[in-house]
Amino acid sequence: MHELSIAQSLLDIVVEEANRHGVTKVRRVGVRVGAFTNVVPDSLSFCFDLIKEGTVAAEAELKLTPVPLAGLCQDCGAELDMSEAVFACPQCQSANVKVTQGQELLIDYIETDEAEA
């Protein structure tokens, strides 16, 4: 279960940013989770809830936003919905496809009680 190490990394970043800005309480953390990251959202939320106790994020809610897999055909320029994870262009059948979204796992926002944070 790699979600535990991911949750720990997310929490480390949240705590570091909170400390850097003098924040004492984090209310919500928004995270964009790409479909191609193999992260199980429920497991990530569960792990985050387990490890956040005793930190500025102890009462924080983890809000996960799924990001679908999409790509661009490098041969014909077609934009691809890759929800089926088929790496071939339906327009020209080329396998020369670049993934343009769905691989990201990033903190989108950190919501706090402090107005200046």
N, C-alpha and C. Protein backbone atom coordinates (compact mmCIF):
# COMPACT_ATOMS: atom_id res chain seq x y z
N MET A 1 0.85 -1.17 0.00
CA MET A 1 0.00 0.00 0.00
C MET A 1 0.90 1.24 0.00
N HIS A 2 1.07 1.83 -1.17
CA HIS A 2 1.90 3.03 -1.26
C HIS A 2 1.15 4.29 -0.83
N GLU A 3 -0.14 4.18 -0.58
CA GLU A 3 -0.92 5.34 -0.15
C GLU A 3 -0.43 5.90 1.18
N LEU A 4 0.09 5.06 2.06
CA LEU A 4 0.58 5.55 3.35
C LEU A 4 1.78 6.48 3.15
N SER A 5 2.71 6.09 2.32
CA SER A 5 3.87 6.97 2.09
C SER A 5 3.46 8.24 1.35
N ILE A 6 2.49 8.14 0.47
CA ILE A 6 1.99 9.33 -0.22
C ILE A 6 1.29 10.26 0.77
N ALA A 7 0.45 9.69 1.63
CA ALA A 7 -0.23 10.49 2.66
C ALA A 7 0.79 11.18 3.56
N GLN A 8 1.86 10.48 3.92
CA GLN A 8 2.89 11.07 4.77
C GLN A 8 3.59 12.22 4.05
N SER A 9 3.87 12.04 2.78
CA SER A 9 4.50 13.12 2.00
C SER A 9 3.58 14.33 1.90
N LEU A 10 2.30 14.09 1.65
CA LEU A 10 1.34 15.19 1.59
C LEU A 10 1.28 15.92 2.92
N LEU A 11 1.19 15.16 4.00
CA LEU A 11 1.12 15.77 5.33
C LEU A 11 2.39 16.55 5.65
N ASP A 12 3.54 16.02 5.29
CA ASP A 12 4.80 16.74 5.51
C ASP A 12 4.79 18.09 4.81
N ILE A 13 4.31 18.12 3.58
CA ILE A 13 4.24 19.38 2.82
C ILE A 13 3.26 20.34 3.48
N VAL A 14 2.09 19.84 3.87
CA VAL A 14 1.08 20.69 4.51
C VAL A 14 1.62 21.30 5.80
N VAL A 15 2.25 20.48 6.63
CA VAL A 15 2.80 20.97 7.91
C VAL A 15 3.91 21.98 7.65
N GLU A 16 4.78 21.69 6.68
CA GLU A 16 5.87 22.61 6.35
C GLU A 16 5.32 23.97 5.88
N GLU A 17 4.33 23.94 5.01
CA GLU A 17 3.73 25.19 4.51
C GLU A 17 3.00 25.93 5.62
N ALA A 18 2.31 25.21 6.48
CA ALA A 18 1.61 25.84 7.60
C ALA A 18 2.61 26.53 8.52
N ASN A 19 3.70 25.86 8.83
CA ASN A 19 4.74 26.46 9.67
C ASN A 19 5.37 27.68 9.01
N ARG A 20 5.61 27.58 7.72
CA ARG A 20 6.23 28.68 6.98
C ARG A 20 5.36 29.94 7.00
N HIS A 21 4.04 29.74 7.03
CA HIS A 21 3.11 30.87 7.00
C HIS A 21 2.52 31.19 8.37
N GLY A 22 2.98 30.52 9.42
CA GLY A 22 2.47 30.79 10.76
C GLY A 22 1.05 30.33 10.99
N VAL A 23 0.63 29.31 10.26
CA VAL A 23 -0.73 28.78 10.37
C VAL A 23 -0.79 27.77 11.52
N THR A 24 -1.84 27.87 12.32
CA THR A 24 -1.99 26.95 13.45
C THR A 24 -3.06 25.89 13.23
N LYS A 25 -3.90 26.07 12.21
CA LYS A 25 -4.95 25.08 11.95
C LYS A 25 -5.28 25.02 10.46
N VAL A 26 -5.16 23.83 9.91
CA VAL A 26 -5.52 23.58 8.51
C VAL A 26 -6.90 22.95 8.50
N ARG A 27 -7.78 23.51 7.68
CA ARG A 27 -9.16 23.03 7.61
C ARG A 27 -9.37 22.01 6.49
N ARG A 28 -8.72 22.25 5.35
CA ARG A 28 -8.98 21.41 4.19
C ARG A 28 -7.73 21.39 3.31
N VAL A 29 -7.48 20.23 2.72
CA VAL A 29 -6.37 20.07 1.78
C VAL A 29 -6.94 19.49 0.50
N GLY A 30 -6.77 20.22 -0.59
CA GLY A 30 -7.25 19.75 -1.89
C GLY A 30 -6.11 19.11 -2.67
N VAL A 31 -6.36 17.91 -3.17
CA VAL A 31 -5.33 17.17 -3.90
C VAL A 31 -5.91 16.67 -5.22
N ARG A 32 -5.17 16.91 -6.30
CA ARG A 32 -5.55 16.39 -7.62
C ARG A 32 -4.87 15.04 -7.80
N VAL A 33 -5.67 14.02 -8.10
CA VAL A 33 -5.17 12.65 -8.22
C VAL A 33 -5.44 12.14 -9.63
N GLY A 34 -4.37 11.97 -10.40
CA GLY A 34 -4.50 11.47 -11.76
C GLY A 34 -4.87 10.00 -11.79
N ALA A 35 -5.65 9.64 -12.81
CA ALA A 35 -6.12 8.27 -12.97
C ALA A 35 -4.97 7.28 -13.18
N PHE A 36 -3.84 7.77 -13.68
CA PHE A 36 -2.70 6.90 -13.99
C PHE A 36 -1.71 6.79 -12.84
N THR A 37 -2.06 7.30 -11.66
CA THR A 37 -1.16 7.24 -10.51
C THR A 37 -1.29 5.95 -9.72
N ASN A 38 -2.32 5.19 -10.00
CA ASN A 38 -2.61 3.96 -9.25
C ASN A 38 -2.84 4.21 -7.77
N VAL A 39 -3.32 5.40 -7.43
CA VAL A 39 -3.65 5.72 -6.05
C VAL A 39 -5.12 5.37 -5.83
N VAL A 40 -5.40 4.65 -4.75
CA VAL A 40 -6.78 4.33 -4.38
C VAL A 40 -7.25 5.45 -3.46
N PRO A 41 -8.19 6.29 -3.94
CA PRO A 41 -8.61 7.46 -3.16
C PRO A 41 -9.05 7.15 -1.74
N ASP A 42 -9.86 6.12 -1.54
CA ASP A 42 -10.31 5.78 -0.19
C ASP A 42 -9.14 5.40 0.71
N SER A 43 -8.18 4.69 0.17
CA SER A 43 -7.00 4.30 0.96
C SER A 43 -6.16 5.52 1.32
N LEU A 44 -6.01 6.45 0.38
CA LEU A 44 -5.25 7.66 0.65
C LEU A 44 -5.93 8.48 1.74
N SER A 45 -7.23 8.63 1.66
CA SER A 45 -7.98 9.37 2.69
C SER A 45 -7.85 8.69 4.04
N PHE A 46 -7.97 7.38 4.06
CA PHE A 46 -7.86 6.62 5.30
C PHE A 46 -6.48 6.82 5.94
N CYS A 47 -5.44 6.70 5.13
CA CYS A 47 -4.07 6.87 5.64
C CYS A 47 -3.83 8.29 6.13
N PHE A 48 -4.32 9.28 5.40
CA PHE A 48 -4.16 10.67 5.81
C PHE A 48 -4.82 10.89 7.17
N ASP A 49 -6.03 10.34 7.33
CA ASP A 49 -6.74 10.48 8.61
C ASP A 49 -5.98 9.81 9.76
N LEU A 50 -5.30 8.71 9.48
CA LEU A 50 -4.54 7.99 10.51
C LEU A 50 -3.34 8.79 11.01
N ILE A 51 -2.66 9.48 10.12
CA ILE A 51 -1.39 10.10 10.49
C ILE A 51 -1.47 11.59 10.81
N LYS A 52 -2.61 12.21 10.59
CA LYS A 52 -2.71 13.66 10.79
C LYS A 52 -2.86 14.08 12.24
N GLU A 53 -3.21 13.14 13.12
CA GLU A 53 -3.42 13.47 14.53
C GLU A 53 -2.16 14.08 15.13
N GLY A 54 -2.36 15.11 15.94
CA GLY A 54 -1.24 15.76 16.61
C GLY A 54 -0.52 16.79 15.75
N THR A 55 -1.06 17.09 14.57
CA THR A 55 -0.45 18.09 13.69
C THR A 55 -1.42 19.24 13.48
N VAL A 56 -0.97 20.28 12.79
CA VAL A 56 -1.85 21.41 12.47
C VAL A 56 -2.99 20.98 11.55
N ALA A 57 -2.87 19.80 10.96
CA ALA A 57 -3.90 19.28 10.06
C ALA A 57 -4.78 18.23 10.73
N ALA A 58 -4.75 18.17 12.06
CA ALA A 58 -5.49 17.14 12.80
C ALA A 58 -6.98 17.12 12.47
N GLU A 59 -7.55 18.28 12.18
CA GLU A 59 -8.98 18.36 11.87
C GLU A 59 -9.24 18.59 10.39
N ALA A 60 -8.20 18.50 9.59
CA ALA A 60 -8.33 18.80 8.16
C ALA A 60 -9.07 17.70 7.40
N GLU A 61 -9.81 18.15 6.43
CA GLU A 61 -10.49 17.24 5.51
C GLU A 61 -9.65 17.15 4.24
N LEU A 62 -9.44 15.94 3.76
CA LEU A 62 -8.71 15.73 2.52
C LEU A 62 -9.73 15.66 1.38
N LYS A 63 -9.67 16.62 0.46
CA LYS A 63 -10.59 16.66 -0.68
C LYS A 63 -9.83 16.22 -1.92
N LEU A 64 -10.20 15.07 -2.46
CA LEU A 64 -9.51 14.53 -3.62
C LEU A 64 -10.30 14.82 -4.89
N THR A 65 -9.62 15.34 -5.89
CA THR A 65 -10.24 15.62 -7.18
C THR A 65 -9.62 14.69 -8.21
N PRO A 66 -10.43 13.79 -8.78
CA PRO A 66 -9.88 12.88 -9.78
C PRO A 66 -9.57 13.62 -11.09
N VAL A 67 -8.46 13.24 -11.71
CA VAL A 67 -8.07 13.81 -13.00
C VAL A 67 -8.03 12.65 -14.00
N PRO A 68 -8.90 12.70 -15.02
CA PRO A 68 -8.94 11.60 -15.98
C PRO A 68 -7.68 11.56 -16.85
N LEU A 69 -7.43 10.41 -17.42
CA LEU A 69 -6.29 10.22 -18.30
C LEU A 69 -6.64 10.77 -19.69
N ALA A 70 -5.78 11.62 -20.22
CA ALA A 70 -5.98 12.20 -21.55
C ALA A 70 -4.64 12.27 -22.25
N GLY A 71 -4.70 12.35 -23.57
CA GLY A 71 -3.47 12.39 -24.33
C GLY A 71 -3.60 13.17 -25.62
N LEU A 72 -2.48 13.25 -26.32
CA LEU A 72 -2.40 13.97 -27.59
C LEU A 72 -1.63 13.11 -28.57
N CYS A 73 -2.23 12.88 -29.74
CA CYS A 73 -1.54 12.13 -30.79
C CYS A 73 -0.45 13.02 -31.36
N GLN A 74 0.78 12.54 -31.34
CA GLN A 74 1.92 13.30 -31.84
C GLN A 74 1.98 13.31 -33.37
N ASP A 75 1.19 12.44 -34.01
CA ASP A 75 1.21 12.37 -35.47
C ASP A 75 0.13 13.22 -36.12
N CYS A 76 -1.11 13.15 -35.61
CA CYS A 76 -2.20 13.91 -36.25
C CYS A 76 -2.73 15.04 -35.39
N GLY A 77 -2.30 15.12 -34.12
CA GLY A 77 -2.73 16.21 -33.25
C GLY A 77 -4.07 16.01 -32.56
N ALA A 78 -4.66 14.85 -32.71
CA ALA A 78 -5.96 14.60 -32.08
C ALA A 78 -5.81 14.54 -30.56
N GLU A 79 -6.76 15.16 -29.86
CA GLU A 79 -6.82 15.07 -28.40
C GLU A 79 -7.58 13.81 -28.04
N LEU A 80 -7.04 13.04 -27.10
CA LEU A 80 -7.60 11.72 -26.81
C LEU A 80 -8.14 11.62 -25.40
N ASP A 81 -9.33 11.03 -25.30
CA ASP A 81 -9.88 10.61 -24.01
C ASP A 81 -9.34 9.20 -23.81
N MET A 82 -8.50 9.05 -22.81
CA MET A 82 -7.85 7.75 -22.62
C MET A 82 -8.42 7.00 -21.43
N SER A 83 -9.73 7.17 -21.21
CA SER A 83 -10.36 6.52 -20.06
C SER A 83 -10.26 5.00 -20.13
N GLU A 84 -10.10 4.47 -21.31
CA GLU A 84 -9.94 3.03 -21.47
C GLU A 84 -8.47 2.62 -21.43
N ALA A 85 -7.57 3.61 -21.25
CA ALA A 85 -6.12 3.39 -21.21
C ALA A 85 -5.62 2.68 -22.46
N VAL A 86 -6.20 3.05 -23.61
CA VAL A 86 -5.73 2.56 -24.89
C VAL A 86 -4.79 3.61 -25.46
N PHE A 87 -3.55 3.24 -25.67
CA PHE A 87 -2.54 4.19 -26.11
C PHE A 87 -2.36 4.16 -27.63
N ALA A 88 -3.48 4.28 -28.34
CA ALA A 88 -3.47 4.37 -29.79
C ALA A 88 -4.50 5.40 -30.21
N CYS A 89 -4.15 6.21 -31.18
CA CYS A 89 -5.04 7.27 -31.65
C CYS A 89 -6.21 6.67 -32.43
N PRO A 90 -7.45 7.01 -32.06
CA PRO A 90 -8.60 6.49 -32.79
C PRO A 90 -8.74 7.14 -34.18
N GLN A 91 -8.08 8.27 -34.39
CA GLN A 91 -8.16 8.97 -35.68
C GLN A 91 -7.24 8.34 -36.73
N CYS A 92 -5.97 8.15 -36.33
CA CYS A 92 -4.98 7.68 -37.31
C CYS A 92 -4.33 6.34 -36.92
N GLN A 93 -4.73 5.78 -35.78
CA GLN A 93 -4.22 4.50 -35.26
C GLN A 93 -2.74 4.55 -34.87
N SER A 94 -2.17 5.71 -34.77
CA SER A 94 -0.78 5.83 -34.35
C SER A 94 -0.64 5.51 -32.86
N ALA A 95 0.48 4.90 -32.51
CA ALA A 95 0.78 4.65 -31.10
C ALA A 95 1.67 5.76 -30.54
N ASN A 96 1.93 6.78 -31.33
CA ASN A 96 2.77 7.91 -30.92
C ASN A 96 1.91 8.91 -30.14
N VAL A 97 1.55 8.51 -28.93
CA VAL A 97 0.62 9.28 -28.10
C VAL A 97 1.34 9.78 -26.86
N LYS A 98 1.15 11.05 -26.57
CA LYS A 98 1.74 11.66 -25.36
C LYS A 98 0.63 11.86 -24.33
N VAL A 99 0.86 11.38 -23.12
CA VAL A 99 -0.10 11.60 -22.04
C VAL A 99 -0.01 13.06 -21.62
N THR A 100 -1.16 13.76 -21.61
CA THR A 100 -1.18 15.18 -21.25
C THR A 100 -1.77 15.45 -19.88
N GLN A 101 -2.51 14.51 -19.35
CA GLN A 101 -3.02 14.65 -17.98
C GLN A 101 -3.39 13.27 -17.46
N GLY A 102 -3.44 13.19 -16.13
CA GLY A 102 -3.81 11.93 -15.49
C GLY A 102 -2.66 11.26 -14.76
N GLN A 103 -1.46 11.86 -14.85
CA GLN A 103 -0.30 11.31 -14.14
C GLN A 103 0.02 12.11 -12.89
N GLU A 104 -0.69 13.22 -12.70
CA GLU A 104 -0.35 14.12 -11.60
C GLU A 104 -0.91 13.65 -10.26
N LEU A 105 -0.19 14.01 -9.23
CA LEU A 105 -0.62 13.84 -7.84
C LEU A 105 -0.05 15.06 -7.12
N LEU A 106 -0.90 16.07 -6.94
CA LEU A 106 -0.38 17.33 -6.40
C LEU A 106 -1.38 18.02 -5.50
N ILE A 107 -0.83 18.79 -4.59
CA ILE A 107 -1.66 19.59 -3.70
C ILE A 107 -2.15 20.80 -4.49
N ASP A 108 -3.45 20.93 -4.56
CA ASP A 108 -4.08 22.02 -5.29
C ASP A 108 -4.26 23.25 -4.40
N TYR A 109 -4.62 23.01 -3.14
CA TYR A 109 -4.80 24.11 -2.19
C TYR A 109 -4.72 23.60 -0.76
N ILE A 110 -4.42 24.53 0.14
CA ILE A 110 -4.45 24.28 1.58
C ILE A 110 -5.30 25.38 2.18
N GLU A 111 -6.43 25.01 2.74
CA GLU A 111 -7.35 25.98 3.33
C GLU A 111 -7.13 26.03 4.84
N THR A 112 -7.02 27.25 5.37
CA THR A 112 -6.73 27.42 6.79
C THR A 112 -7.74 28.35 7.44
N ASP A 113 -7.61 28.52 8.75
CA ASP A 113 -8.44 29.47 9.48
C ASP A 113 -7.88 30.88 9.38
N GLU A 114 -6.59 31.00 9.11
CA GLU A 114 -5.93 32.29 9.08
C GLU A 114 -6.19 33.00 7.76
N ALA A 115 -6.54 34.28 7.83
CA ALA A 115 -6.86 35.07 6.64
C ALA A 115 -5.64 35.30 5.76
N GLU A 116 -4.47 35.40 6.34
CA GLU A 116 -3.25 35.73 5.59
C GLU A 116 -2.60 34.51 4.95
N ALA A 117 -2.98 33.31 5.34
CA ALA A 117 -2.32 32.11 4.86
C ALA A 117 -2.74 31.77 3.49
